Amino acid sequence: MEEVQLPTFKEVIGPAYRTVFRRNKIREDIHLEQRFLPLEINLDKLSRFRDFFKYKEEVPMNYLYVFAQRGQVHLMLKKEFKLAIPGMIHIENIIQQFREVNSMNPLTLDVVADVEMREGSLRPQFSVNFYQEGEKVGQCKSTYLVKRKSKGTRTPRKLPTKIKSNQKILWSIHENIGKLYGEIAGDKNPIHTSNLFAKIAGFKRSIVQGWYLVSRATNEIQNQMGKTINSLHVNFIKPVYVNSDIHFKFNESEFRLRDNGTILVAGEFTT
């Protein structure tokens, strides 16, 4: 397999939107793989990410997703993928860190994409493995939803339940948070900064990046518990809009983001 350079978000955002003309039709399972050339960690960008969320770790586990997302979009852009990127919904993510990541050593990424041919909506799955000096240091698995019409009966998605917690914190999601996080993490998808683009994509107005919410929640939990989270399983249930207030609750192994009783994001974690 030929190794290629991991693209920047700036390089892929335009081509990603041009895939809107794909018809989301596949005749067989899709399987794609890509290994990327060793990537030097930009210490300035890492420092800005850590400072933004007030992380204490040298390389926070959630920072690995910033690289994983770029690798995933690279595979989505291949003609064999056949699915339109606009409209794909990120519904689930599992991330694990097996040992501390050294910011001075390059990262190598292996990315695999699988789409099972089925009736109705599709669920593309991506697996990203991270290596330093030949040792696997982390893994990220992402699941997306591509909505399609179906003649059969839809299988309802199993929704997370409420949790018991004495910790309840009000979060205000400010209007410019999508732009601020985009500058930090590179995710400058216009649905996070433009009400027009968000409405074109089917939302009422701009939505905040899901990984901003996850990273904020993770750091809040770590600060309160005094422990480092090393694995995280997140379900994105509903979008979180800018200019909104939501409630964050957590206990020793789970967290929820809610709006008037409606669960928006649900997570499970281990330390």
C-alpha atoms as a PDB file:
ATOM      1  CA  MET A   1       0.000   0.000   0.000  1.00  0.00           C
ATOM      2  CA  GLU A   2       1.390   3.393  -1.004  1.00  0.00           C
ATOM      3  CA  GLU A   3       1.726   5.824   1.894  1.00  0.00           C
ATOM      4  CA  VAL A   4       0.416   9.353   1.338  1.00  0.00           C
ATOM      5  CA  GLN A   5       0.538  12.634   3.223  1.00  0.00           C
ATOM      6  CA  LEU A   6      -2.351  13.264   5.623  1.00  0.00           C
ATOM      7  CA  PRO A   7      -4.335  16.158   4.081  1.00  0.00           C
ATOM      8  CA  THR A   8      -5.261  19.299   5.969  1.00  0.00           C
ATOM      9  CA  PHE A   9      -8.908  20.278   6.447  1.00  0.00           C
ATOM     10  CA  LYS A  10      -8.339  23.206   4.119  1.00  0.00           C
ATOM     11  CA  GLU A  11      -7.380  20.769   1.361  1.00  0.00           C
ATOM     12  CA  VAL A  12     -10.439  18.535   1.735  1.00  0.00           C
ATOM     13  CA  ILE A  13     -13.354  20.813   2.679  1.00  0.00           C
ATOM     14  CA  GLY A  14     -13.998  22.048  -0.886  1.00  0.00           C
ATOM     15  CA  PRO A  15     -13.771  18.612  -2.546  1.00  0.00           C
ATOM     16  CA  ALA A  16     -15.953  17.201   0.256  1.00  0.00           C
ATOM     17  CA  TYR A  17     -18.802  19.574  -0.596  1.00  0.00           C
ATOM     18  CA  ARG A  18     -18.498  18.742  -4.294  1.00  0.00           C
ATOM     19  CA  THR A  19     -19.406  15.109  -3.508  1.00  0.00           C
ATOM     20  CA  VAL A  20     -22.981  16.339  -2.948  1.00  0.00           C
ATOM     21  CA  PHE A  21     -23.768  15.087  -6.475  1.00  0.00           C
ATOM     22  CA  ARG A  22     -23.048  11.461  -5.586  1.00  0.00           C
ATOM     23  CA  ARG A  23     -26.238   9.395  -5.597  1.00  0.00           C
ATOM     24  CA  ASN A  24     -25.556   7.234  -2.512  1.00  0.00           C
ATOM     25  CA  LYS A  25     -26.076   4.031  -4.497  1.00  0.00           C
ATOM     26  CA  ILE A  26     -23.787   1.042  -3.996  1.00  0.00           C
ATOM     27  CA  ARG A  27     -24.004  -2.417  -5.563  1.00  0.00           C
ATOM     28  CA  GLU A  28     -21.542  -4.154  -3.249  1.00  0.00           C
ATOM     29  CA  ASP A  29     -19.769  -3.712   0.066  1.00  0.00           C
ATOM     30  CA  ILE A  30     -17.125  -0.986   0.144  1.00  0.00           C
ATOM     31  CA  HIS A  31     -13.746  -1.588   1.750  1.00  0.00           C
ATOM     32  CA  LEU A  32     -10.946   0.976   1.574  1.00  0.00           C
ATOM     33  CA  GLU A  33      -7.587   1.229   3.342  1.00  0.00           C
ATOM     34  CA  GLN A  34      -4.903   3.877   3.558  1.00  0.00           C
ATOM     35  CA  ARG A  35      -1.647   4.269   5.470  1.00  0.00           C
ATOM     36  CA  PHE A  36      -0.327   7.798   5.885  1.00  0.00           C
ATOM     37  CA  LEU A  37       3.256   8.993   6.003  1.00  0.00           C
ATOM     38  CA  PRO A  38       4.631   9.690   9.499  1.00  0.00           C
ATOM     39  CA  LEU A  39       3.156  12.979  10.685  1.00  0.00           C
ATOM     40  CA  GLU A  40       5.001  15.481  12.851  1.00  0.00           C
ATOM     41  CA  ILE A  41       2.753  16.852  15.597  1.00  0.00           C
ATOM     42  CA  ASN A  42       2.539  20.628  15.287  1.00  0.00           C
ATOM     43  CA  LEU A  43       3.435  21.766  18.808  1.00  0.00           C
ATOM     44  CA  ASP A  44       1.866  25.206  18.403  1.00  0.00           C
ATOM     45  CA  LYS A  45      -1.501  23.764  17.356  1.00  0.00           C
ATOM     46  CA  LEU A  46      -1.314  21.151  20.104  1.00  0.00           C
ATOM     47  CA  SER A  47      -0.600  23.857  22.670  1.00  0.00           C
ATOM     48  CA  ARG A  48      -3.583  25.903  21.489  1.00  0.00           C
ATOM     49  CA  PHE A  49      -5.863  22.844  21.772  1.00  0.00           C
ATOM     50  CA  ARG A  50      -4.598  22.073  25.284  1.00  0.00           C
ATOM     51  CA  ASP A  51      -4.957  25.694  26.401  1.00  0.00           C
ATOM     52  CA  PHE A  52      -8.442  26.016  24.898  1.00  0.00           C
ATOM     53  CA  PHE A  53      -9.777  23.142  27.006  1.00  0.00           C
ATOM     54  CA  LYS A  54      -7.202  23.474  29.833  1.00  0.00           C
ATOM     55  CA  TYR A  55      -5.949  19.912  29.348  1.00  0.00           C
ATOM     56  CA  LYS A  56      -3.001  18.822  31.484  1.00  0.00           C
ATOM     57  CA  GLU A  57      -1.845  15.802  29.422  1.00  0.00           C
ATOM     58  CA  GLU A  58       1.019  16.242  26.951  1.00  0.00           C
ATOM     59  CA  VAL A  59      -1.152  14.931  24.104  1.00  0.00           C
ATOM     60  CA  PRO A  60      -4.807  14.590  25.157  1.00  0.00           C
ATOM     61  CA  MET A  61      -6.567  11.465  23.897  1.00  0.00           C
ATOM     62  CA  ASN A  62      -9.231  13.601  22.220  1.00  0.00           C
ATOM     63  CA  TYR A  63      -6.571  15.382  20.158  1.00  0.00           C
ATOM     64  CA  LEU A  64      -6.030  12.150  18.241  1.00  0.00           C
ATOM     65  CA  TYR A  65      -9.496  12.561  16.716  1.00  0.00           C
ATOM     66  CA  VAL A  66      -8.323  15.730  14.965  1.00  0.00           C
ATOM     67  CA  PHE A  67      -6.005  13.538  12.866  1.00  0.00           C
ATOM     68  CA  ALA A  68      -8.503  10.677  12.547  1.00  0.00           C
ATOM     69  CA  GLN A  69     -11.129  12.958  11.044  1.00  0.00           C
ATOM     70  CA  ARG A  70      -8.756  14.129   8.322  1.00  0.00           C
ATOM     71  CA  GLY A  71      -7.840  10.542   7.462  1.00  0.00           C
ATOM     72  CA  GLN A  72     -11.492   9.567   7.268  1.00  0.00           C
ATOM     73  CA  VAL A  73     -12.356  12.396   4.875  1.00  0.00           C
ATOM     74  CA  HIS A  74      -9.412  11.390   2.670  1.00  0.00           C
ATOM     75  CA  LEU A  75     -11.018   7.955   2.166  1.00  0.00           C
ATOM     76  CA  MET A  76     -14.483   9.478   1.725  1.00  0.00           C
ATOM     77  CA  LEU A  77     -13.134  11.470  -1.221  1.00  0.00           C
ATOM     78  CA  LYS A  78     -12.024   8.359  -3.127  1.00  0.00           C
ATOM     79  CA  LYS A  79     -14.285   7.626  -6.078  1.00  0.00           C
ATOM     80  CA  GLU A  80     -14.863   4.097  -4.789  1.00  0.00           C
ATOM     81  CA  PHE A  81     -16.632   5.476  -1.694  1.00  0.00           C
ATOM     82  CA  LYS A  82     -19.638   6.603  -3.809  1.00  0.00           C
ATOM     83  CA  LEU A  83     -21.459   8.365  -0.934  1.00  0.00           C
ATOM     84  CA  ALA A  84     -22.078  12.106  -0.603  1.00  0.00           C
ATOM     85  CA  ILE A  85     -20.179  13.596   2.325  1.00  0.00           C
ATOM     86  CA  PRO A  86     -22.649  16.476   2.884  1.00  0.00           C
ATOM     87  CA  GLY A  87     -25.567  14.978   4.763  1.00  0.00           C
ATOM     88  CA  MET A  88     -23.547  12.199   6.406  1.00  0.00           C
ATOM     89  CA  ILE A  89     -24.339  12.222  10.119  1.00  0.00           C
ATOM     90  CA  HIS A  90     -21.707  11.291  12.708  1.00  0.00           C
ATOM     91  CA  ILE A  91     -23.692   9.171  15.172  1.00  0.00           C
ATOM     92  CA  GLU A  92     -21.130   7.251  17.222  1.00  0.00           C
ATOM     93  CA  ASN A  93     -17.466   7.361  18.171  1.00  0.00           C
ATOM     94  CA  ILE A  94     -15.170   5.147  20.229  1.00  0.00           C
ATOM     95  CA  ILE A  95     -11.679   6.355  21.053  1.00  0.00           C
ATOM     96  CA  GLN A  96      -8.999   4.684  23.152  1.00  0.00           C
ATOM     97  CA  GLN A  97      -5.465   5.580  24.181  1.00  0.00           C
ATOM     98  CA  PHE A  98      -3.195   2.647  25.068  1.00  0.00           C
ATOM     99  CA  ARG A  99      -0.211   4.658  26.285  1.00  0.00           C
ATOM    100  CA  GLU A 100       0.947   8.242  26.496  1.00  0.00           C
ATOM    101  CA  VAL A 101       1.635   9.885  23.155  1.00  0.00           C
ATOM    102  CA  ASN A 102       4.997  11.636  22.825  1.00  0.00           C
ATOM    103  CA  SER A 103       4.503  15.002  21.152  1.00  0.00           C
ATOM    104  CA  MET A 104       8.083  14.929  19.849  1.00  0.00           C
ATOM    105  CA  ASN A 105       7.669  11.662  17.913  1.00  0.00           C
ATOM    106  CA  PRO A 106       5.823  11.365  14.573  1.00  0.00           C
ATOM    107  CA  LEU A 107       2.441   9.653  14.379  1.00  0.00           C
ATOM    108  CA  THR A 108       1.596   7.045  11.753  1.00  0.00           C
ATOM    109  CA  LEU A 109      -2.052   6.477  10.871  1.00  0.00           C
ATOM    110  CA  ASP A 110      -3.730   3.449   9.306  1.00  0.00           C
ATOM    111  CA  VAL A 111      -7.321   4.141   8.229  1.00  0.00           C
ATOM    112  CA  VAL A 112      -9.919   1.573   7.121  1.00  0.00           C
ATOM    113  CA  ALA A 113     -13.405   2.343   5.772  1.00  0.00           C
ATOM    114  CA  ASP A 114     -16.207  -0.224   5.464  1.00  0.00           C
ATOM    115  CA  VAL A 115     -19.731   0.212   4.138  1.00  0.00           C
ATOM    116  CA  GLU A 116     -22.049  -2.782   4.135  1.00  0.00           C
ATOM    117  CA  MET A 117     -24.473  -2.964   1.220  1.00  0.00           C
ATOM    118  CA  ARG A 118     -28.003  -3.084   2.637  1.00  0.00           C
ATOM    119  CA  GLU A 119     -31.541  -1.911   2.020  1.00  0.00           C
ATOM    120  CA  GLY A 120     -32.329   1.566   3.268  1.00  0.00           C
ATOM    121  CA  SER A 121     -29.963   3.783   5.223  1.00  0.00           C
ATOM    122  CA  LEU A 122     -26.240   2.986   5.260  1.00  0.00           C
ATOM    123  CA  ARG A 123     -23.807   3.109   8.192  1.00  0.00           C
ATOM    124  CA  PRO A 124     -20.239   3.733   7.003  1.00  0.00           C
ATOM    125  CA  GLN A 125     -17.676   2.719   9.625  1.00  0.00           C
ATOM    126  CA  PHE A 126     -14.108   3.967   9.934  1.00  0.00           C
ATOM    127  CA  SER A 127     -11.293   2.550  12.033  1.00  0.00           C
ATOM    128  CA  VAL A 128      -8.119   4.568  12.613  1.00  0.00           C
ATOM    129  CA  ASN A 129      -5.073   3.103  14.349  1.00  0.00           C
ATOM    130  CA  PHE A 130      -2.288   5.358  15.639  1.00  0.00           C
ATOM    131  CA  TYR A 131       1.353   4.252  15.955  1.00  0.00           C
ATOM    132  CA  GLN A 132       4.527   5.732  17.363  1.00  0.00           C
ATOM    133  CA  GLU A 133       7.878   3.985  16.846  1.00  0.00           C
ATOM    134  CA  GLY A 134       6.014   0.878  15.650  1.00  0.00           C
ATOM    135  CA  GLU A 135       3.829   0.645  18.764  1.00  0.00           C
ATOM    136  CA  LYS A 136       0.054   1.090  18.659  1.00  0.00           C
ATOM    137  CA  VAL A 137      -0.780   4.026  20.938  1.00  0.00           C
ATOM    138  CA  GLY A 138      -4.441   4.675  20.153  1.00  0.00           C
ATOM    139  CA  GLN A 139      -7.511   3.777  18.141  1.00  0.00           C
ATOM    140  CA  CYS A 140     -10.562   5.663  16.911  1.00  0.00           C
ATOM    141  CA  LYS A 141     -13.728   4.073  15.495  1.00  0.00           C
ATOM    142  CA  SER A 142     -16.390   6.279  13.935  1.00  0.00           C
ATOM    143  CA  THR A 143     -19.857   5.398  12.641  1.00  0.00           C
ATOM    144  CA  TYR A 144     -21.877   7.603  10.304  1.00  0.00           C
ATOM    145  CA  LEU A 145     -25.432   7.509   9.013  1.00  0.00           C
ATOM    146  CA  VAL A 146     -26.370   8.015   5.356  1.00  0.00           C
ATOM    147  CA  LYS A 147     -30.147   8.290   5.158  1.00  0.00           C
ATOM    148  CA  ARG A 148     -31.851   6.564   2.221  1.00  0.00           C
ATOM    149  CA  LYS A 149     -35.430   5.572   1.533  1.00  0.00           C
ATOM    150  CA  SER A 150     -36.347   1.990   2.381  1.00  0.00           C
ATOM    151  CA  LYS A 151     -39.208  -0.269   1.369  1.00  0.00           C
ATOM    152  CA  GLY A 152     -38.827  -2.320   4.525  1.00  0.00           C
ATOM    153  CA  THR A 153     -39.472  -1.590   8.184  1.00  0.00           C
ATOM    154  CA  ARG A 154     -36.995   0.767   9.789  1.00  0.00           C
ATOM    155  CA  THR A 155     -35.125  -0.486  12.819  1.00  0.00           C
ATOM    156  CA  PRO A 156     -35.351   2.234  15.460  1.00  0.00           C
ATOM    157  CA  ARG A 157     -32.104   3.425  16.949  1.00  0.00           C
ATOM    158  CA  LYS A 158     -31.609   2.411  20.567  1.00  0.00           C
ATOM    159  CA  LEU A 159     -31.389   5.577  22.626  1.00  0.00           C
ATOM    160  CA  PRO A 160     -29.354   5.991  25.811  1.00  0.00           C
ATOM    161  CA  THR A 161     -31.182   6.281  29.108  1.00  0.00           C
ATOM    162  CA  LYS A 162     -30.939   8.969  31.757  1.00  0.00           C
ATOM    163  CA  ILE A 163     -28.270   8.669  34.435  1.00  0.00           C
ATOM    164  CA  LYS A 164     -28.222   9.358  38.148  1.00  0.00           C
ATOM    165  CA  SER A 165     -25.849  12.154  39.035  1.00  0.00           C
ATOM    166  CA  ASN A 166     -25.400  14.871  41.619  1.00  0.00           C
ATOM    167  CA  GLN A 167     -23.307  16.812  39.109  1.00  0.00           C
ATOM    168  CA  LYS A 168     -25.368  19.135  36.897  1.00  0.00           C
ATOM    169  CA  ILE A 169     -23.671  22.041  35.135  1.00  0.00           C
ATOM    170  CA  LEU A 170     -25.218  24.611  32.811  1.00  0.00           C
ATOM    171  CA  TRP A 171     -23.296  25.204  29.590  1.00  0.00           C
ATOM    172  CA  SER A 172     -23.850  28.224  27.370  1.00  0.00           C
ATOM    173  CA  ILE A 173     -22.995  27.515  23.727  1.00  0.00           C
ATOM    174  CA  HIS A 174     -22.013  30.918  22.370  1.00  0.00           C
ATOM    175  CA  GLU A 175     -22.531  32.009  18.780  1.00  0.00           C
ATOM    176  CA  ASN A 176     -18.826  32.141  17.902  1.00  0.00           C
ATOM    177  CA  ILE A 177     -17.804  28.820  19.471  1.00  0.00           C
ATOM    178  CA  GLY A 178     -17.908  26.997  16.110  1.00  0.00           C
ATOM    179  CA  LYS A 179     -15.434  29.473  14.638  1.00  0.00           C
ATOM    180  CA  LEU A 180     -13.176  29.404  17.721  1.00  0.00           C
ATOM    181  CA  TYR A 181     -13.021  25.605  17.864  1.00  0.00           C
ATOM    182  CA  GLY A 182     -12.584  25.438  14.090  1.00  0.00           C
ATOM    183  CA  GLU A 183      -9.494  27.640  14.358  1.00  0.00           C
ATOM    184  CA  ILE A 184      -8.100  25.397  17.106  1.00  0.00           C
ATOM    185  CA  ALA A 185      -8.878  21.954  15.638  1.00  0.00           C
ATOM    186  CA  GLY A 186      -9.020  22.775  11.932  1.00  0.00           C
ATOM    187  CA  ASP A 187     -12.667  21.706  11.528  1.00  0.00           C
ATOM    188  CA  LYS A 188     -13.941  24.695   9.567  1.00  0.00           C
ATOM    189  CA  ASN A 189     -16.991  23.059   8.060  1.00  0.00           C
ATOM    190  CA  PRO A 190     -19.288  26.045   7.314  1.00  0.00           C
ATOM    191  CA  ILE A 191     -22.293  24.365   8.976  1.00  0.00           C
ATOM    192  CA  HIS A 192     -20.569  25.376  12.237  1.00  0.00           C
ATOM    193  CA  THR A 193     -20.146  29.035  11.312  1.00  0.00           C
ATOM    194  CA  SER A 194     -22.817  29.897   8.732  1.00  0.00           C
ATOM    195  CA  ASN A 195     -26.561  29.722   9.307  1.00  0.00           C
ATOM    196  CA  LEU A 196     -27.044  29.589   5.520  1.00  0.00           C
ATOM    197  CA  PHE A 197     -24.831  26.526   5.048  1.00  0.00           C
ATOM    198  CA  ALA A 198     -26.379  24.901   8.106  1.00  0.00           C
ATOM    199  CA  LYS A 199     -29.882  25.383   6.668  1.00  0.00           C
ATOM    200  CA  ILE A 200     -28.759  23.957   3.317  1.00  0.00           C
ATOM    201  CA  ALA A 201     -27.563  20.889   5.233  1.00  0.00           C
ATOM    202  CA  GLY A 202     -30.961  20.559   6.936  1.00  0.00           C
ATOM    203  CA  PHE A 203     -30.386  22.280  10.292  1.00  0.00           C
ATOM    204  CA  LYS A 204     -32.282  25.236  11.799  1.00  0.00           C
ATOM    205  CA  ARG A 205     -29.063  27.241  12.235  1.00  0.00           C
ATOM    206  CA  SER A 206     -25.365  26.686  12.878  1.00  0.00           C
ATOM    207  CA  ILE A 207     -24.496  23.670  15.004  1.00  0.00           C
ATOM    208  CA  VAL A 208     -21.459  23.280  17.233  1.00  0.00           C
ATOM    209  CA  GLN A 209     -18.839  20.623  16.454  1.00  0.00           C
ATOM    210  CA  GLY A 210     -19.615  17.391  18.280  1.00  0.00           C
ATOM    211  CA  TRP A 211     -15.973  16.914  19.233  1.00  0.00           C
ATOM    212  CA  TYR A 212     -15.910  20.300  20.910  1.00  0.00           C
ATOM    213  CA  LEU A 213     -18.663  19.046  23.219  1.00  0.00           C
ATOM    214  CA  VAL A 214     -16.866  15.756  23.843  1.00  0.00           C
ATOM    215  CA  SER A 215     -13.539  17.460  24.568  1.00  0.00           C
ATOM    216  CA  ARG A 216     -15.150  19.943  26.944  1.00  0.00           C
ATOM    217  CA  ALA A 217     -17.011  17.179  28.760  1.00  0.00           C
ATOM    218  CA  THR A 218     -13.911  14.998  29.034  1.00  0.00           C
ATOM    219  CA  ASN A 219     -11.813  17.740  30.576  1.00  0.00           C
ATOM    220  CA  GLU A 220     -14.583  18.696  33.002  1.00  0.00           C
ATOM    221  CA  ILE A 221     -14.838  15.094  34.195  1.00  0.00           C
ATOM    222  CA  GLN A 222     -11.074  14.693  34.528  1.00  0.00           C
ATOM    223  CA  ASN A 223     -10.782  17.881  36.575  1.00  0.00           C
ATOM    224  CA  GLN A 224     -13.623  16.862  38.886  1.00  0.00           C
ATOM    225  CA  MET A 225     -12.476  13.251  39.329  1.00  0.00           C
ATOM    226  CA  GLY A 226      -8.728  13.835  39.292  1.00  0.00           C
ATOM    227  CA  LYS A 227      -8.262  10.950  36.865  1.00  0.00           C
ATOM    228  CA  THR A 228      -7.329  10.676  33.185  1.00  0.00           C
ATOM    229  CA  ILE A 229      -9.878   9.154  30.808  1.00  0.00           C
ATOM    230  CA  ASN A 230      -8.292   6.520  28.542  1.00  0.00           C
ATOM    231  CA  SER A 231     -11.341   5.266  26.641  1.00  0.00           C
ATOM    232  CA  LEU A 232     -14.527   6.936  25.519  1.00  0.00           C
ATOM    233  CA  HIS A 233     -17.699   5.757  23.766  1.00  0.00           C
ATOM    234  CA  VAL A 234     -19.957   8.569  22.544  1.00  0.00           C
ATOM    235  CA  ASN A 235     -23.382   8.592  20.880  1.00  0.00           C
ATOM    236  CA  PHE A 236     -24.442  11.778  19.103  1.00  0.00           C
ATOM    237  CA  ILE A 237     -28.244  11.797  19.347  1.00  0.00           C
ATOM    238  CA  LYS A 238     -29.296  15.290  18.287  1.00  0.00           C
ATOM    239  CA  PRO A 239     -27.453  18.408  17.095  1.00  0.00           C
ATOM    240  CA  VAL A 240     -26.461  21.116  19.559  1.00  0.00           C
ATOM    241  CA  TYR A 241     -27.132  24.592  18.189  1.00  0.00           C
ATOM    242  CA  VAL A 242     -25.114  27.711  18.840  1.00  0.00           C
ATOM    243  CA  ASN A 243     -26.775  30.339  21.027  1.00  0.00           C
ATOM    244  CA  SER A 244     -28.272  27.688  23.279  1.00  0.00           C
ATOM    245  CA  ASP A 245     -28.019  26.537  26.885  1.00  0.00           C
ATOM    246  CA  ILE A 246     -27.652  22.829  27.697  1.00  0.00           C
ATOM    247  CA  HIS A 247     -27.090  20.811  30.861  1.00  0.00           C
ATOM    248  CA  PHE A 248     -24.075  18.587  31.436  1.00  0.00           C
ATOM    249  CA  LYS A 249     -24.382  15.688  33.897  1.00  0.00           C
ATOM    250  CA  PHE A 250     -21.928  12.925  34.740  1.00  0.00           C
ATOM    251  CA  ASN A 251     -21.114  10.212  37.235  1.00  0.00           C
ATOM    252  CA  GLU A 252     -18.155   7.849  37.659  1.00  0.00           C
ATOM    253  CA  SER A 253     -18.590   6.194  34.245  1.00  0.00           C
ATOM    254  CA  GLU A 254     -21.105   8.119  32.084  1.00  0.00           C
ATOM    255  CA  PHE A 255     -22.104  11.596  30.989  1.00  0.00           C
ATOM    256  CA  ARG A 256     -25.061  13.229  29.272  1.00  0.00           C
ATOM    257  CA  LEU A 257     -25.708  16.530  27.529  1.00  0.00           C
ATOM    258  CA  ARG A 258     -29.385  17.449  27.683  1.00  0.00           C
ATOM    259  CA  ASP A 259     -31.775  20.172  26.637  1.00  0.00           C
ATOM    260  CA  ASN A 260     -35.051  20.321  28.582  1.00  0.00           C
ATOM    261  CA  GLY A 261     -34.890  16.608  29.293  1.00  0.00           C
ATOM    262  CA  THR A 262     -33.941  15.607  25.736  1.00  0.00           C
ATOM    263  CA  ILE A 263     -30.630  13.735  25.535  1.00  0.00           C
ATOM    264  CA  LEU A 264     -28.362  15.308  22.903  1.00  0.00           C
ATOM    265  CA  VAL A 265     -25.063  13.506  23.520  1.00  0.00           C
ATOM    266  CA  ALA A 266     -24.397  10.428  25.662  1.00  0.00           C
ATOM    267  CA  GLY A 267     -21.018   9.040  26.645  1.00  0.00           C
ATOM    268  CA  GLU A 268     -19.428   6.209  28.590  1.00  0.00           C
ATOM    269  CA  PHE A 269     -15.809   6.319  29.732  1.00  0.00           C
ATOM    270  CA  THR A 270     -13.105   4.509  31.688  1.00  0.00           C
ATOM    271  CA  THR A 271     -10.110   5.923  33.554  1.00  0.00           C
END
